[in-house]
Amino acid sequence: MSKDLETLNISVKSILSFSAILFLLIGEYIVLNKEIEEAKRLPIPTVTTEAYKYDKKYLEKEIAELKEEVEKLSKRLKK
């Protein structure tokens, strides 16, 4: 066991690197907790049925247009 301790070399550079990584992780944890607390205080967004229907119609229209474009492109590639 004493041989293992003799071969264990810890440099100042490795200690500073470990400290910097630890500091970074703790900072990210604190920021994440603050963002979570802020999100808890925000009001819950409500989606009305009208907004949902509008979004659905808009998306269906966009999908139809994209299908037409894909068909045109596939026809051009077949030529």
Protein backbone atom coordinates (compact mmCIF):
# COMPACT_ATOMS: atom_id res chain seq x y z
CA MET A 1 0.00 0.00 0.00
CA SER A 2 2.83 2.39 0.73
CA LYS A 3 4.19 1.72 -2.78
CA ASP A 4 0.87 2.88 -4.25
CA LEU A 5 1.06 6.13 -2.32
CA GLU A 6 4.63 6.72 -3.44
CA THR A 7 3.69 6.40 -7.10
CA LEU A 8 0.70 8.71 -6.77
CA ASN A 9 1.84 12.04 -8.17
CA ILE A 10 -0.51 14.98 -7.91
CA SER A 11 0.77 18.16 -9.46
CA VAL A 12 -0.40 21.68 -8.87
CA LYS A 13 -1.61 21.77 -12.47
CA SER A 14 -3.90 18.78 -11.96
CA ILE A 15 -5.28 20.22 -8.72
CA LEU A 16 -6.02 23.53 -10.45
CA SER A 17 -7.64 21.73 -13.38
CA PHE A 18 -9.83 19.71 -11.05
CA SER A 19 -10.76 22.84 -9.10
CA ALA A 20 -11.68 24.71 -12.30
CA ILE A 21 -13.89 21.87 -13.52
CA LEU A 22 -15.53 21.59 -10.12
CA PHE A 23 -16.13 25.35 -10.03
CA LEU A 24 -17.65 25.23 -13.50
CA LEU A 25 -20.01 22.39 -12.59
CA ILE A 26 -21.14 24.10 -9.41
CA GLY A 27 -21.76 27.32 -11.33
CA GLU A 28 -23.82 25.51 -13.97
CA TYR A 29 -25.84 23.81 -11.23
CA ILE A 30 -26.62 27.14 -9.60
CA VAL A 31 -27.65 28.73 -12.91
CA LEU A 32 -29.86 25.76 -13.75
CA ASN A 33 -31.59 25.94 -10.36
CA LYS A 34 -32.24 29.66 -10.82
CA GLU A 35 -33.74 29.05 -14.26
CA ILE A 36 -35.96 26.29 -12.87
CA GLU A 37 -37.19 28.55 -10.06
CA GLU A 38 -37.92 31.32 -12.55
CA ALA A 39 -39.84 28.90 -14.78
CA LYS A 40 -41.91 27.81 -11.78
CA ARG A 41 -42.98 31.42 -11.17
CA LEU A 42 -44.06 32.02 -14.78
CA PRO A 43 -47.73 31.55 -15.59
CA ILE A 44 -48.75 28.36 -17.33
CA PRO A 45 -49.45 29.13 -20.98
CA THR A 46 -52.95 28.30 -22.07
CA VAL A 47 -53.67 27.13 -25.58
CA THR A 48 -57.15 27.94 -26.76
CA THR A 49 -58.98 25.70 -29.17
CA GLU A 50 -58.97 28.48 -31.75
CA ALA A 51 -55.22 28.83 -31.59
CA TYR A 52 -54.83 25.06 -31.83
CA LYS A 53 -57.13 24.89 -34.87
CA TYR A 54 -55.27 27.78 -36.51
CA ASP A 55 -51.90 26.16 -35.90
CA LYS A 56 -53.19 22.83 -37.18
CA LYS A 57 -54.59 24.41 -40.36
CA TYR A 58 -51.35 26.31 -40.92
CA LEU A 59 -49.25 23.19 -40.48
CA GLU A 60 -51.49 21.14 -42.76
CA LYS A 61 -51.18 23.85 -45.42
CA GLU A 62 -47.39 23.89 -45.08
CA ILE A 63 -47.24 20.09 -45.32
CA ALA A 64 -49.36 20.14 -48.48
CA GLU A 65 -47.09 22.76 -50.05
CA LEU A 66 -43.99 20.78 -49.15
CA LYS A 67 -45.51 17.62 -50.66
CA GLU A 68 -46.14 19.51 -53.90
CA GLU A 69 -42.56 20.78 -53.95
CA VAL A 70 -41.20 17.28 -53.33
CA GLU A 71 -43.33 15.90 -56.16
CA LYS A 72 -42.08 18.60 -58.53
CA LEU A 73 -38.47 17.93 -57.56
CA SER A 74 -38.86 14.18 -57.94
CA LYS A 75 -40.38 14.69 -61.42
CA ARG A 76 -37.43 16.91 -62.38
CA LEU A 77 -34.98 14.28 -61.17
CA LYS A 78 -36.69 11.52 -63.15
CA LYS A 79 -36.29 13.49 -66.39
